[in-house]
Protein backbone atom coordinates (compact mmCIF):
# COMPACT_ATOMS: atom_id res chain seq x y z
CA MET A 1 107.05 80.38 108.89
CA ALA A 2 108.55 77.47 106.96
CA PHE A 3 107.54 77.09 103.33
CA LYS A 4 107.22 73.48 102.13
CA VAL A 5 107.68 72.11 98.62
CA VAL A 6 106.45 68.53 98.20
CA VAL A 7 108.17 66.78 95.29
CA SER A 8 106.65 63.56 93.91
CA GLN A 9 108.48 61.23 91.55
CA ASN A 10 106.87 57.90 90.70
CA ALA A 11 106.02 56.32 94.08
CA GLU A 12 108.43 58.49 96.12
CA THR A 13 107.58 61.78 97.80
CA HIS A 14 110.07 64.19 99.34
CA GLN A 15 109.42 67.32 101.37
CA ILE A 16 111.78 70.30 101.17
CA GLU A 17 111.51 73.24 103.56
CA LEU A 18 112.49 76.71 102.35
CA GLU A 19 112.72 80.06 104.09
CA ASP A 20 112.47 82.28 100.99
CA THR A 21 109.30 82.07 98.87
CA LYS A 22 110.01 85.00 96.54
CA ALA A 23 111.38 82.77 93.76
CA LEU A 24 108.06 80.90 93.44
CA ASN A 25 105.70 83.87 93.89
CA GLY A 26 103.55 84.51 90.82
CA LEU A 27 103.77 80.98 89.43
CA VAL A 28 100.46 79.31 88.52
CA ILE A 29 99.27 75.70 88.86
CA GLY A 30 100.42 73.82 85.75
CA GLU A 31 103.59 75.88 85.21
CA GLU A 32 107.02 74.29 85.21
CA PHE A 33 110.08 75.75 86.94
CA ASP A 34 113.75 74.91 87.43
CA GLY A 35 114.39 72.63 90.41
CA GLY A 36 117.55 74.56 91.24
CA ILE A 37 115.32 77.08 93.03
CA VAL A 38 114.54 74.45 95.68
CA GLY A 39 117.98 72.79 95.62
CA LEU A 40 117.30 70.09 93.01
CA ASP A 41 119.81 70.99 90.29
CA GLY A 42 119.07 69.42 86.91
CA TYR A 43 115.39 68.78 87.71
CA THR A 44 112.32 70.41 86.22
CA LEU A 45 109.23 70.52 88.45
CA LYS A 46 105.56 71.11 87.58
CA ILE A 47 103.18 72.71 90.11
CA THR A 48 100.10 70.56 90.77
CA GLY A 49 98.54 72.33 93.75
CA GLY A 50 99.08 73.55 97.28
CA SER A 51 97.46 75.06 100.34
CA ASP A 52 97.54 78.35 102.23
CA LYS A 53 98.30 79.18 105.86
CA ASN A 54 94.72 78.35 106.93
CA GLY A 55 94.62 75.00 105.10
CA PHE A 56 92.48 76.05 102.12
CA THR A 57 93.47 74.20 98.96
CA MET A 58 94.52 75.86 95.73
CA LYS A 59 92.11 75.25 92.85
CA LYS A 60 93.17 75.48 89.22
CA ASP A 61 89.84 76.99 88.09
CA VAL A 62 90.09 80.06 90.37
CA SER A 63 92.38 82.73 88.92
CA GLY A 64 94.64 84.93 91.01
CA THR A 65 95.62 84.75 94.66
CA ARG A 66 92.17 85.36 96.11
CA ARG A 67 90.10 83.16 98.39
CA ILE A 68 86.48 82.50 97.38
CA LYS A 69 83.52 80.42 98.46
CA SER A 70 82.57 78.16 95.59
CA LEU A 71 79.72 75.68 95.15
CA LEU A 72 81.49 72.34 94.64
CA THR A 73 80.17 68.96 93.53
CA GLY A 74 83.51 67.19 93.91
CA GLY A 75 87.16 67.41 92.98
CA VAL A 76 89.82 69.45 94.76
CA GLY A 77 88.65 70.66 98.16
CA TYR A 78 85.50 68.52 98.51
CA HIS A 79 84.73 64.82 98.19
CA PRO A 80 80.98 64.16 98.63
CA LYS A 81 79.75 60.91 100.18
CA ALA A 82 76.87 60.52 97.69
CA ASP A 83 76.18 61.50 94.07
CA GLY A 84 74.55 64.86 93.46
CA VAL A 85 75.57 66.43 96.78
CA LYS A 86 76.81 70.02 96.51
CA ARG A 87 78.48 72.14 99.16
CA ARG A 88 79.84 75.66 99.36
CA LYS A 89 83.52 75.48 100.31
CA THR A 90 86.32 78.04 100.53
CA VAL A 91 89.16 77.54 98.06
CA ARG A 92 92.29 79.52 97.17
CA GLY A 93 93.24 80.82 93.71
CA ASN A 94 95.77 79.15 91.42
CA THR A 95 98.64 81.64 91.86
CA ILE A 96 101.37 81.28 94.49
CA ALA A 97 101.58 84.24 96.88
CA GLU A 98 102.93 85.03 100.36
CA ASP A 99 99.98 83.22 102.04
CA ILE A 100 100.79 79.85 100.47
CA VAL A 101 102.71 77.53 102.84
CA GLN A 102 102.76 74.29 100.81
CA VAL A 103 103.28 73.71 97.09
CA ASN A 104 102.81 70.26 95.55
CA THR A 105 104.95 69.41 92.54
CA VAL A 106 105.79 66.48 90.27
CA VAL A 107 109.06 65.81 88.45
CA THR A 108 108.81 66.30 84.68
CA GLU A 109 112.54 66.01 83.90
CA ALA A 110 114.94 64.18 86.22
CA GLY A 111 118.53 65.17 86.87
CA SER A 112 121.62 62.96 86.94
CA LYS A 113 121.40 62.25 90.70
CA SER A 114 118.33 60.91 92.49
CA ILE A 115 116.41 63.21 94.82
CA ALA A 116 117.27 61.00 97.81
CA GLU A 117 120.99 61.39 97.05
CA ILE A 118 120.71 65.17 96.73
CA LEU A 119 118.70 65.59 99.93
CA GLY A 120 120.73 62.97 101.80
CA ALA A 121 123.98 64.74 100.90
CA GLY A 122 122.57 67.97 102.34
CA GLU A 123 121.66 66.31 105.63
CA GLU A 124 125.14 64.77 106.04
CA GLU A 125 126.83 68.16 105.54
CA GLU A 126 124.68 69.73 108.27
CA GLU A 127 125.81 67.14 110.85
């Protein structure tokens, strides 16, 4: 199964697919890591969220890698149509594990090259 890292910088978003997830396992939402792990040398990325193999979103308030049913009034995982509406929804914990298939990140420190140049150079070498 392909593991996706979504990198956002200003108005641009790039998606990177990885085969090995062991480097990111154990990281928590809000932590920063070196972009060299995902092929972005010189960049520092901050984890903002993600989702697991069944589509359940990661929630910062839930510790660990577990999946729970939580009563939500809004925010990540549930957007009510009217004020005061609550709903019990399943959400995933804030720690990256083997079940996570997508991790959302933002750039906190940029490298010397742009992300498009780095990813574009990789695509030209493959052809």
